[in-house]
Amino acid sequence: MLNSLFFEDFQLGQSFESGGRTITESDLTFFSMLSGDWNPIHADAEFARTTRYEQRVVHGTLGIAIATGMLHQLGIFHDSAVAMMSLNEWKFIAPIFVGDTLRLRLEITGLDAGKSERVGRLGRRFVLLNQRGETVQDGHSDLLIRKRGAN
């Protein structure tokens, strides 16, 4: 879906859901390389077997990156997003594992038209769900978004 929505198109309580994306071994390895985070819980299968999860856990921050990437898949902010303003109250509720299929539920939590004729502020809640419909991460992110007809 590449149908950009603008400030005026949103309503409080509106919800959108992305398609799924399965986390791969390559995702885990590349994120370790990119971030430099080689903590044994992510990188050492033998060590991870001795933990409560008995397997490697995907980086929590990779979950955030996946969630923000899923916004692009929705297409609703393609031509209207100006800037992410915040990332607040992010909770890592359950682990993410290689092989999990994640999807994003995006909920509109706030609308602030402000004084600008060009942009408004959109409150958003991100709920990252696994293949069983369990919430694995949850947080809020305000977005500065264009108003319809603004340049």
N, C-alpha and C. Protein backbone atom coordinates (compact mmCIF):
# COMPACT_ATOMS: atom_id res chain seq x y z
N MET A 1 0.85 -1.18 0.00
CA MET A 1 0.00 0.00 0.00
C MET A 1 0.89 1.24 0.00
N LEU A 2 0.87 2.01 -1.05
CA LEU A 2 1.59 3.28 -1.08
C LEU A 2 0.56 4.38 -1.28
N ASN A 3 -0.19 4.64 -0.23
CA ASN A 3 -1.24 5.64 -0.26
C ASN A 3 -1.00 6.56 0.93
N SER A 4 -0.17 7.58 0.72
CA SER A 4 0.19 8.47 1.82
C SER A 4 -1.03 9.13 2.42
N LEU A 5 -1.03 9.18 3.74
CA LEU A 5 -2.05 9.91 4.48
C LEU A 5 -1.39 11.14 5.08
N PHE A 6 -2.17 12.18 5.23
CA PHE A 6 -1.69 13.43 5.79
C PHE A 6 -2.40 13.68 7.12
N PHE A 7 -1.96 14.70 7.84
CA PHE A 7 -2.47 14.96 9.18
C PHE A 7 -4.00 14.87 9.24
N GLU A 8 -4.67 15.50 8.30
CA GLU A 8 -6.13 15.56 8.33
C GLU A 8 -6.80 14.21 8.10
N ASP A 9 -6.07 13.24 7.60
CA ASP A 9 -6.64 11.93 7.28
C ASP A 9 -6.73 10.99 8.49
N PHE A 10 -6.10 11.37 9.59
CA PHE A 10 -6.04 10.49 10.75
C PHE A 10 -7.12 10.81 11.77
N GLN A 11 -7.50 9.78 12.54
CA GLN A 11 -8.48 9.92 13.62
C GLN A 11 -7.95 9.22 14.85
N LEU A 12 -8.27 9.75 16.02
CA LEU A 12 -7.90 9.08 17.27
C LEU A 12 -8.46 7.67 17.28
N GLY A 13 -7.64 6.73 17.70
CA GLY A 13 -8.07 5.34 17.80
C GLY A 13 -7.94 4.56 16.50
N GLN A 14 -7.61 5.22 15.42
CA GLN A 14 -7.42 4.54 14.14
C GLN A 14 -6.27 3.55 14.27
N SER A 15 -6.38 2.42 13.56
CA SER A 15 -5.38 1.36 13.68
C SER A 15 -5.00 0.84 12.30
N PHE A 16 -3.72 0.48 12.16
CA PHE A 16 -3.20 -0.09 10.92
C PHE A 16 -2.35 -1.30 11.30
N GLU A 17 -2.30 -2.30 10.43
CA GLU A 17 -1.46 -3.46 10.72
C GLU A 17 -0.66 -3.86 9.49
N SER A 18 0.63 -4.09 9.71
CA SER A 18 1.52 -4.49 8.62
C SER A 18 1.37 -5.97 8.34
N GLY A 19 1.98 -6.40 7.26
CA GLY A 19 2.13 -7.82 7.01
C GLY A 19 3.24 -8.37 7.89
N GLY A 20 3.48 -9.65 7.81
CA GLY A 20 4.48 -10.29 8.65
C GLY A 20 5.87 -10.28 8.04
N ARG A 21 6.86 -10.42 8.91
CA ARG A 21 8.26 -10.54 8.51
C ARG A 21 8.93 -11.51 9.44
N THR A 22 9.49 -12.58 8.89
CA THR A 22 10.16 -13.60 9.69
C THR A 22 11.61 -13.20 9.94
N ILE A 23 12.00 -13.27 11.20
CA ILE A 23 13.37 -12.92 11.60
C ILE A 23 14.29 -14.09 11.26
N THR A 24 15.37 -13.79 10.56
CA THR A 24 16.29 -14.83 10.09
C THR A 24 17.60 -14.81 10.86
N GLU A 25 18.35 -15.86 10.68
CA GLU A 25 19.71 -15.94 11.22
C GLU A 25 20.55 -14.77 10.70
N SER A 26 20.37 -14.46 9.42
CA SER A 26 21.12 -13.34 8.83
C SER A 26 20.76 -12.02 9.50
N ASP A 27 19.48 -11.81 9.82
CA ASP A 27 19.07 -10.59 10.52
C ASP A 27 19.84 -10.44 11.82
N LEU A 28 19.89 -11.52 12.59
CA LEU A 28 20.58 -11.50 13.88
C LEU A 28 22.08 -11.21 13.69
N THR A 29 22.71 -11.89 12.76
CA THR A 29 24.14 -11.70 12.53
C THR A 29 24.46 -10.31 12.01
N PHE A 30 23.69 -9.85 11.02
CA PHE A 30 23.96 -8.52 10.46
C PHE A 30 23.73 -7.43 11.49
N PHE A 31 22.71 -7.59 12.34
CA PHE A 31 22.48 -6.57 13.36
C PHE A 31 23.60 -6.58 14.39
N SER A 32 24.11 -7.74 14.73
CA SER A 32 25.27 -7.81 15.63
C SER A 32 26.45 -7.07 15.01
N MET A 33 26.66 -7.29 13.71
CA MET A 33 27.76 -6.63 13.02
C MET A 33 27.55 -5.12 12.97
N LEU A 34 26.35 -4.69 12.63
CA LEU A 34 26.05 -3.27 12.51
C LEU A 34 26.16 -2.56 13.86
N SER A 35 25.60 -3.16 14.89
CA SER A 35 25.56 -2.51 16.20
C SER A 35 26.84 -2.72 17.00
N GLY A 36 27.57 -3.78 16.70
CA GLY A 36 28.75 -4.12 17.49
C GLY A 36 28.39 -4.86 18.78
N ASP A 37 27.13 -5.22 18.92
CA ASP A 37 26.66 -5.91 20.13
C ASP A 37 26.74 -7.42 19.91
N TRP A 38 27.81 -8.00 20.45
CA TRP A 38 28.04 -9.44 20.34
C TRP A 38 27.83 -10.12 21.69
N ASN A 39 26.93 -9.60 22.50
CA ASN A 39 26.62 -10.21 23.79
C ASN A 39 26.32 -11.69 23.56
N PRO A 40 26.82 -12.57 24.43
CA PRO A 40 26.62 -14.01 24.24
C PRO A 40 25.16 -14.44 24.11
N ILE A 41 24.24 -13.70 24.72
CA ILE A 41 22.82 -14.08 24.61
C ILE A 41 22.34 -13.98 23.16
N HIS A 42 23.05 -13.14 22.34
CA HIS A 42 22.71 -12.99 20.92
C HIS A 42 23.59 -13.84 20.02
N ALA A 43 24.85 -14.05 20.42
CA ALA A 43 25.85 -14.56 19.49
C ALA A 43 26.38 -15.96 19.79
N ASP A 44 26.15 -16.47 20.98
CA ASP A 44 26.76 -17.73 21.40
C ASP A 44 25.67 -18.75 21.71
N ALA A 45 25.42 -19.65 20.76
CA ALA A 45 24.35 -20.63 20.90
C ALA A 45 24.55 -21.53 22.12
N GLU A 46 25.79 -21.90 22.39
CA GLU A 46 26.07 -22.78 23.54
C GLU A 46 25.77 -22.06 24.86
N PHE A 47 26.21 -20.81 24.96
CA PHE A 47 25.89 -20.03 26.15
C PHE A 47 24.39 -19.86 26.29
N ALA A 48 23.72 -19.51 25.20
CA ALA A 48 22.28 -19.25 25.24
C ALA A 48 21.49 -20.47 25.70
N ARG A 49 21.99 -21.67 25.40
CA ARG A 49 21.30 -22.90 25.86
C ARG A 49 21.25 -22.99 27.38
N THR A 50 22.14 -22.29 28.06
CA THR A 50 22.18 -22.34 29.53
C THR A 50 21.29 -21.28 30.18
N THR A 51 20.62 -20.46 29.35
CA THR A 51 19.77 -19.39 29.88
C THR A 51 18.32 -19.86 29.96
N ARG A 52 17.48 -19.06 30.54
CA ARG A 52 16.07 -19.43 30.71
C ARG A 52 15.35 -19.66 29.40
N TYR A 53 15.82 -19.04 28.30
CA TYR A 53 15.16 -19.21 27.00
C TYR A 53 15.73 -20.37 26.20
N GLU A 54 16.89 -20.87 26.60
CA GLU A 54 17.54 -22.03 25.99
C GLU A 54 17.87 -21.84 24.51
N GLN A 55 17.90 -20.59 24.07
CA GLN A 55 18.27 -20.25 22.70
C GLN A 55 18.66 -18.78 22.65
N ARG A 56 19.29 -18.39 21.55
CA ARG A 56 19.70 -17.00 21.40
C ARG A 56 18.47 -16.09 21.31
N VAL A 57 18.61 -14.92 21.84
CA VAL A 57 17.55 -13.91 21.81
C VAL A 57 17.99 -12.81 20.84
N VAL A 58 17.07 -12.40 19.99
CA VAL A 58 17.33 -11.32 19.04
C VAL A 58 17.42 -10.00 19.82
N HIS A 59 18.31 -9.12 19.41
CA HIS A 59 18.47 -7.81 20.05
C HIS A 59 17.13 -7.09 20.13
N GLY A 60 16.85 -6.52 21.29
CA GLY A 60 15.63 -5.74 21.43
C GLY A 60 15.60 -4.55 20.49
N THR A 61 16.75 -3.93 20.29
CA THR A 61 16.80 -2.78 19.40
C THR A 61 16.57 -3.16 17.93
N LEU A 62 16.83 -4.41 17.58
CA LEU A 62 16.47 -4.87 16.24
C LEU A 62 14.95 -4.87 16.11
N GLY A 63 14.24 -5.21 17.18
CA GLY A 63 12.78 -5.15 17.16
C GLY A 63 12.29 -3.74 16.86
N ILE A 64 12.93 -2.74 17.47
CA ILE A 64 12.56 -1.35 17.20
C ILE A 64 12.80 -1.02 15.73
N ALA A 65 13.96 -1.42 15.21
CA ALA A 65 14.29 -1.16 13.82
C ALA A 65 13.30 -1.83 12.87
N ILE A 66 12.94 -3.07 13.17
CA ILE A 66 11.96 -3.80 12.35
C ILE A 66 10.61 -3.07 12.39
N ALA A 67 10.19 -2.63 13.58
CA ALA A 67 8.91 -1.93 13.72
C ALA A 67 8.89 -0.65 12.89
N THR A 68 9.96 0.14 12.96
CA THR A 68 9.98 1.38 12.19
C THR A 68 10.04 1.08 10.69
N GLY A 69 10.73 0.01 10.32
CA GLY A 69 10.76 -0.39 8.91
C GLY A 69 9.41 -0.83 8.39
N MET A 70 8.62 -1.43 9.26
CA MET A 70 7.28 -1.88 8.85
C MET A 70 6.36 -0.69 8.53
N LEU A 71 6.69 0.48 9.07
CA LEU A 71 5.92 1.68 8.71
C LEU A 71 6.01 1.93 7.22
N HIS A 72 7.20 1.71 6.66
CA HIS A 72 7.37 1.90 5.21
C HIS A 72 6.47 0.94 4.44
N GLN A 73 6.37 -0.28 4.92
CA GLN A 73 5.52 -1.28 4.27
C GLN A 73 4.06 -0.81 4.24
N LEU A 74 3.62 -0.14 5.29
CA LEU A 74 2.25 0.36 5.32
C LEU A 74 2.01 1.39 4.23
N GLY A 75 3.03 2.20 3.92
CA GLY A 75 2.93 3.19 2.86
C GLY A 75 2.21 4.46 3.23
N ILE A 76 1.65 4.53 4.41
CA ILE A 76 0.81 5.68 4.77
C ILE A 76 1.59 6.95 5.09
N PHE A 77 2.90 6.83 5.32
CA PHE A 77 3.72 7.99 5.63
C PHE A 77 4.72 8.32 4.52
N HIS A 78 4.62 7.65 3.38
CA HIS A 78 5.62 7.75 2.32
C HIS A 78 5.90 9.19 1.90
N ASP A 79 4.87 9.96 1.63
CA ASP A 79 5.05 11.34 1.16
C ASP A 79 4.69 12.37 2.21
N SER A 80 4.35 11.95 3.42
CA SER A 80 3.84 12.90 4.41
C SER A 80 4.70 13.04 5.66
N ALA A 81 5.50 12.05 5.99
CA ALA A 81 6.32 12.12 7.21
C ALA A 81 7.40 13.17 7.05
N VAL A 82 7.58 13.98 8.11
CA VAL A 82 8.65 14.97 8.13
C VAL A 82 9.77 14.50 9.05
N ALA A 83 9.41 14.10 10.28
CA ALA A 83 10.44 13.66 11.23
C ALA A 83 9.81 12.90 12.39
N MET A 84 10.48 11.81 12.79
CA MET A 84 10.10 11.13 14.03
C MET A 84 10.56 12.05 15.17
N MET A 85 9.65 12.36 16.07
CA MET A 85 9.94 13.32 17.13
C MET A 85 10.40 12.67 18.43
N SER A 86 10.00 11.42 18.64
CA SER A 86 10.33 10.80 19.93
C SER A 86 10.16 9.29 19.82
N LEU A 87 10.72 8.63 20.80
CA LEU A 87 10.52 7.21 21.02
C LEU A 87 10.41 7.08 22.53
N ASN A 88 9.21 6.85 23.03
CA ASN A 88 8.93 6.92 24.46
C ASN A 88 8.33 5.64 25.01
N GLU A 89 8.59 5.43 26.28
CA GLU A 89 7.95 4.35 27.05
C GLU A 89 8.03 3.01 26.31
N TRP A 90 9.18 2.75 25.68
CA TRP A 90 9.33 1.50 24.93
C TRP A 90 9.53 0.36 25.93
N LYS A 91 8.76 -0.69 25.76
CA LYS A 91 8.84 -1.84 26.65
C LYS A 91 9.19 -3.08 25.85
N PHE A 92 10.15 -3.83 26.39
CA PHE A 92 10.53 -5.12 25.82
C PHE A 92 9.79 -6.17 26.65
N ILE A 93 8.68 -6.64 26.15
CA ILE A 93 7.76 -7.46 26.94
C ILE A 93 8.10 -8.94 26.87
N ALA A 94 8.46 -9.40 25.70
CA ALA A 94 8.79 -10.81 25.50
C ALA A 94 9.95 -10.90 24.52
N PRO A 95 10.71 -12.00 24.59
CA PRO A 95 11.85 -12.13 23.68
C PRO A 95 11.42 -12.37 22.24
N ILE A 96 12.32 -12.00 21.34
CA ILE A 96 12.17 -12.31 19.92
C ILE A 96 13.25 -13.32 19.59
N PHE A 97 12.89 -14.36 18.85
CA PHE A 97 13.82 -15.42 18.48
C PHE A 97 13.93 -15.51 16.96
N VAL A 98 15.06 -16.04 16.49
CA VAL A 98 15.19 -16.38 15.07
C VAL A 98 14.03 -17.32 14.73
N GLY A 99 13.36 -17.06 13.64
CA GLY A 99 12.21 -17.85 13.22
C GLY A 99 10.87 -17.24 13.59
N ASP A 100 10.87 -16.27 14.50
CA ASP A 100 9.61 -15.59 14.83
C ASP A 100 9.18 -14.72 13.65
N THR A 101 7.88 -14.66 13.42
CA THR A 101 7.32 -13.79 12.41
C THR A 101 6.62 -12.64 13.13
N LEU A 102 7.08 -11.43 12.84
CA LEU A 102 6.59 -10.24 13.52
C LEU A 102 5.70 -9.43 12.60
N ARG A 103 4.78 -8.70 13.20
CA ARG A 103 3.98 -7.72 12.49
C ARG A 103 3.75 -6.52 13.41
N LEU A 104 3.45 -5.39 12.83
CA LEU A 104 3.28 -4.16 13.59
C LEU A 104 1.82 -3.74 13.57
N ARG A 105 1.29 -3.45 14.75
CA ARG A 105 0.01 -2.77 14.84
C ARG A 105 0.30 -1.34 15.25
N LEU A 106 -0.13 -0.40 14.45
CA LEU A 106 0.08 1.02 14.70
C LEU A 106 -1.25 1.64 15.08
N GLU A 107 -1.28 2.31 16.23
CA GLU A 107 -2.50 2.94 16.70
C GLU A 107 -2.27 4.44 16.81
N ILE A 108 -3.23 5.23 16.38
CA ILE A 108 -3.15 6.69 16.47
C ILE A 108 -3.66 7.11 17.85
N THR A 109 -2.79 7.76 18.61
CA THR A 109 -3.10 8.11 20.00
C THR A 109 -3.22 9.61 20.24
N GLY A 110 -2.82 10.42 19.28
CA GLY A 110 -2.88 11.85 19.48
C GLY A 110 -2.82 12.62 18.18
N LEU A 111 -3.53 13.74 18.16
CA LEU A 111 -3.54 14.64 17.01
C LEU A 111 -3.39 16.06 17.54
N ASP A 112 -2.32 16.72 17.14
CA ASP A 112 -2.09 18.10 17.57
C ASP A 112 -1.78 18.93 16.33
N ALA A 113 -2.76 19.72 15.89
CA ALA A 113 -2.60 20.53 14.68
C ALA A 113 -1.57 21.63 14.88
N GLY A 114 -1.40 22.08 16.11
CA GLY A 114 -0.44 23.15 16.39
C GLY A 114 -0.78 24.42 15.64
N LYS A 115 0.18 25.31 15.51
CA LYS A 115 -0.03 26.61 14.87
C LYS A 115 0.45 26.64 13.42
N SER A 116 1.23 25.66 13.03
CA SER A 116 1.79 25.64 11.69
C SER A 116 0.72 25.28 10.65
N GLU A 117 0.79 25.93 9.51
CA GLU A 117 -0.09 25.56 8.40
C GLU A 117 0.49 24.39 7.62
N ARG A 118 1.74 24.09 7.87
CA ARG A 118 2.46 23.07 7.10
C ARG A 118 2.45 21.70 7.75
N VAL A 119 2.61 21.61 9.08
CA VAL A 119 2.75 20.32 9.75
C VAL A 119 1.94 20.26 11.04
N GLY A 120 1.65 19.04 11.45
CA GLY A 120 1.03 18.77 12.74
C GLY A 120 1.78 17.63 13.41
N ARG A 121 1.39 17.33 14.63
CA ARG A 121 2.03 16.25 15.39
C ARG A 121 1.03 15.11 15.56
N LEU A 122 1.51 13.91 15.22
CA LEU A 122 0.69 12.71 15.29
C LEU A 122 1.25 11.81 16.38
N GLY A 123 0.43 11.46 17.37
CA GLY A 123 0.83 10.51 18.40
C GLY A 123 0.56 9.10 17.91
N ARG A 124 1.55 8.22 18.08
CA ARG A 124 1.41 6.84 17.58
C ARG A 124 1.86 5.85 18.65
N ARG A 125 1.17 4.75 18.73
CA ARG A 125 1.58 3.62 19.57
C ARG A 125 1.97 2.48 18.64
N PHE A 126 3.14 1.93 18.90
CA PHE A 126 3.65 0.78 18.15
C PHE A 126 3.45 -0.46 19.01
N VAL A 127 2.79 -1.46 18.47
CA VAL A 127 2.67 -2.75 19.15
C VAL A 127 3.26 -3.79 18.20
N LEU A 128 4.38 -4.38 18.60
CA LEU A 128 5.05 -5.39 17.79
C LEU A 128 4.58 -6.76 18.28
N LEU A 129 3.98 -7.53 17.39
CA LEU A 129 3.37 -8.81 17.72
C LEU A 129 4.13 -9.96 17.06
N ASN A 130 4.17 -11.10 17.73
CA ASN A 130 4.76 -12.29 17.11
C ASN A 130 3.68 -13.12 16.42
N GLN A 131 4.08 -14.27 15.90
CA GLN A 131 3.18 -15.12 15.12
C GLN A 131 2.03 -15.68 15.96
N ARG A 132 2.13 -15.65 17.27
CA ARG A 132 1.05 -16.13 18.14
C ARG A 132 0.14 -14.98 18.61
N GLY A 133 0.40 -13.78 18.08
CA GLY A 133 -0.40 -12.63 18.46
C GLY A 133 0.00 -12.05 19.81
N GLU A 134 1.15 -12.49 20.34
CA GLU A 134 1.64 -11.99 21.62
C GLU A 134 2.42 -10.69 21.39
N THR A 135 2.21 -9.73 22.27
CA THR A 135 2.98 -8.49 22.20
C THR A 135 4.39 -8.75 22.68
N VAL A 136 5.38 -8.43 21.84
CA VAL A 136 6.78 -8.59 22.23
C VAL A 136 7.41 -7.24 22.57
N GLN A 137 6.93 -6.17 21.93
CA GLN A 137 7.40 -4.82 22.25
C GLN A 137 6.24 -3.85 22.09
N ASP A 138 6.33 -2.75 22.83
CA ASP A 138 5.25 -1.78 22.84
C ASP A 138 5.85 -0.42 23.19
N GLY A 139 5.50 0.59 22.44
CA GLY A 139 6.01 1.93 22.74
C GLY A 139 5.30 3.00 21.96
N HIS A 140 5.71 4.23 22.21
CA HIS A 140 5.07 5.39 21.58
C HIS A 140 6.10 6.19 20.80
N SER A 141 5.63 6.80 19.72
CA SER A 141 6.49 7.62 18.90
C SER A 141 5.66 8.72 18.24
N ASP A 142 5.99 9.98 18.55
CA ASP A 142 5.32 11.10 17.90
C ASP A 142 5.97 11.36 16.55
N LEU A 143 5.15 11.79 15.62
CA LEU A 143 5.62 12.07 14.26
C LEU A 143 5.20 13.47 13.86
N LEU A 144 6.13 14.22 13.30
CA LEU A 144 5.81 15.49 12.66
C LEU A 144 5.39 15.12 11.24
N ILE A 145 4.17 15.49 10.87
CA ILE A 145 3.59 15.05 9.61
C ILE A 145 3.01 16.23 8.84
N ARG A 146 3.14 16.17 7.54
CA ARG A 146 2.63 17.25 6.68
C ARG A 146 1.11 17.31 6.71
N LYS A 147 0.61 18.51 6.59
CA LYS A 147 -0.82 18.72 6.41
C LYS A 147 -1.12 18.68 4.91
N ARG A 148 -2.32 18.30 4.58
CA ARG A 148 -2.71 18.16 3.17
C ARG A 148 -2.55 19.52 2.46
N GLY A 149 -1.92 19.49 1.31
CA GLY A 149 -1.72 20.70 0.52
C GLY A 149 -0.50 21.52 0.91
N ALA A 150 0.18 21.13 1.97
CA ALA A 150 1.39 21.88 2.39
C ALA A 150 2.57 21.48 1.53
N ASN A 151 3.46 22.40 1.29
CA ASN A 151 4.67 22.11 0.50
C ASN A 151 5.80 21.70 1.39
